[in-house]
Amino acid sequence: MASLATDYNVTAQTLIDLQTKITAYSGAVGKPALAKSSKQAAGVTLESALANVDKVLVEKLDKHVQRIRTSQHTFFETYTAARSIVGHPGGRSKAKPDGNGNGGTPSNN
C-alpha cells in the first residue's frame, strides 16, 4: 500500500471511495434485467389468474345465470351484455356465453 501512495499518489481513502462506487455500480447493472424479469413474471401470474376467473365465469356462473333466463330476463340480458368483451386491445380471445349454458367460442368482438 505504501508503494501505491508514493508511486501513484493513491490514498487509502481514494481506494475506499473507488470500491464504494464499484459496489454501487455492480448493484445497479443487474437491475434493469431484474425489473424486466419481475414484470414478465407478474404478467404471467396475472394472465393465469384472469384465465382462472374466466374459467369460473364460463363453467359456473354463466350456467347458473341460464337458469333464470326467462324468469329474470332483464338481469339475464344485462349480464350477457356485460360479459361481452368489445374492442379488447390486447387481442386476447374471450369465450362468451352461447346462450345454452355453455362457454361458447372465443371471440375478439
Protein backbone atom coordinates (compact mmCIF):
# COMPACT_ATOMS: atom_id res chain seq x y z
CA MET A 1 0.00 0.00 0.00
CA ALA A 2 2.89 2.34 0.72
CA SER A 3 4.06 1.86 -2.86
CA LEU A 4 0.69 2.94 -4.27
CA ALA A 5 0.67 6.05 -2.14
CA THR A 6 4.14 7.17 -3.17
CA ASP A 7 4.29 5.91 -6.75
CA TYR A 8 0.74 6.78 -7.91
CA ASN A 9 -0.48 9.28 -5.31
CA VAL A 10 -3.35 6.95 -4.30
CA THR A 11 -4.51 7.18 -0.72
CA ALA A 12 -6.44 4.66 1.32
CA GLN A 13 -9.47 6.98 1.22
CA THR A 14 -9.27 7.10 -2.60
CA LEU A 15 -9.34 3.29 -2.70
CA ILE A 16 -12.31 3.18 -0.30
CA ASP A 17 -14.21 5.72 -2.41
CA LEU A 18 -13.45 3.79 -5.59
CA GLN A 19 -14.60 0.50 -4.05
CA THR A 20 -17.83 2.16 -2.89
CA LYS A 21 -18.52 3.36 -6.44
CA ILE A 22 -17.71 -0.07 -7.92
CA THR A 23 -20.09 -1.73 -5.46
CA ALA A 24 -22.88 0.75 -6.25
CA TYR A 25 -22.37 0.26 -9.99
CA SER A 26 -22.35 -3.52 -9.69
CA GLY A 27 -25.65 -3.42 -7.82
CA ALA A 28 -27.24 -1.20 -10.46
CA VAL A 29 -26.08 -3.16 -13.51
CA GLY A 30 -28.45 -6.10 -12.99
CA LYS A 31 -31.49 -4.04 -12.01
CA PRO A 32 -32.99 -3.43 -15.49
CA ALA A 33 -32.90 -7.15 -16.25
CA LEU A 34 -34.34 -7.94 -12.82
CA ALA A 35 -37.13 -5.40 -13.32
CA LYS A 36 -37.94 -6.87 -16.72
CA SER A 37 -38.00 -10.40 -15.29
CA SER A 38 -40.23 -9.29 -12.42
CA LYS A 39 -42.68 -7.60 -14.80
CA GLN A 40 -42.71 -10.66 -17.02
CA ALA A 41 -43.39 -12.96 -14.07
CA ALA A 42 -46.16 -10.66 -12.84
CA GLY A 43 -47.71 -10.68 -16.31
CA VAL A 44 -47.68 -14.47 -16.40
CA THR A 45 -49.22 -14.61 -12.93
CA LEU A 46 -51.90 -12.08 -13.86
CA GLU A 47 -52.66 -13.88 -17.11
CA SER A 48 -53.07 -17.14 -15.21
CA ALA A 49 -55.34 -15.51 -12.63
CA LEU A 50 -57.51 -13.97 -15.35
CA ALA A 51 -57.74 -17.33 -17.11
CA ASN A 52 -58.95 -18.89 -13.84
CA VAL A 53 -61.57 -16.16 -13.42
CA ASP A 54 -62.75 -16.68 -16.99
CA LYS A 55 -63.00 -20.42 -16.38
CA VAL A 56 -65.15 -19.90 -13.28
CA LEU A 57 -67.39 -17.45 -15.13
CA VAL A 58 -67.86 -19.73 -18.12
CA GLU A 59 -68.13 -23.05 -16.30
CA LYS A 60 -70.07 -21.94 -13.22
CA LEU A 61 -71.68 -18.52 -13.20
CA ASP A 62 -72.81 -18.49 -16.84
CA LYS A 63 -74.57 -21.83 -16.29
CA HIS A 64 -76.32 -20.55 -13.16
CA VAL A 65 -77.47 -17.41 -14.96
CA GLN A 66 -79.01 -19.62 -17.66
CA ARG A 67 -81.43 -20.94 -15.04
CA ILE A 68 -83.03 -17.52 -14.61
CA ARG A 69 -83.04 -16.65 -18.31
CA THR A 70 -86.82 -16.46 -18.55
CA SER A 71 -87.78 -15.50 -15.00
CA GLN A 72 -85.27 -12.63 -14.75
CA HIS A 73 -84.94 -11.70 -18.42
CA THR A 74 -83.71 -8.13 -17.82
CA PHE A 75 -80.98 -9.31 -15.48
CA PHE A 76 -80.02 -12.06 -17.93
CA GLU A 77 -79.72 -9.61 -20.83
CA THR A 78 -77.69 -7.16 -18.73
CA TYR A 79 -75.39 -9.93 -17.50
CA THR A 80 -74.89 -11.28 -21.02
CA ALA A 81 -74.10 -7.81 -22.35
CA ALA A 82 -71.63 -7.20 -19.52
CA ARG A 83 -69.86 -10.49 -20.31
CA SER A 84 -69.24 -9.43 -23.92
CA ILE A 85 -65.75 -8.04 -24.49
CA VAL A 86 -65.82 -5.23 -27.03
CA GLY A 87 -62.68 -3.89 -28.69
CA HIS A 88 -60.21 -5.67 -26.40
CA PRO A 89 -56.90 -4.01 -27.46
CA GLY A 90 -54.72 -6.90 -26.26
CA GLY A 91 -56.20 -9.19 -28.89
CA ARG A 92 -56.79 -11.94 -26.34
CA SER A 93 -59.75 -14.11 -27.25
CA LYS A 94 -62.50 -14.30 -24.68
CA ALA A 95 -65.14 -17.01 -24.52
CA LYS A 96 -68.66 -15.61 -24.50
CA PRO A 97 -71.70 -17.50 -23.26
CA ASP A 98 -73.56 -19.10 -26.15
CA GLY A 99 -77.00 -18.90 -24.55
CA ASN A 100 -77.20 -22.63 -23.85
CA GLY A 101 -75.25 -22.70 -20.62
CA ASN A 102 -72.02 -23.41 -22.47
CA GLY A 103 -68.91 -21.30 -22.60
CA GLY A 104 -69.29 -20.64 -26.29
CA THR A 105 -66.44 -19.98 -28.64
CA PRO A 106 -63.61 -17.47 -28.37
CA SER A 107 -64.40 -14.10 -29.85
CA ASN A 108 -62.49 -10.87 -30.44
CA ASN A 109 -65.57 -8.62 -30.64
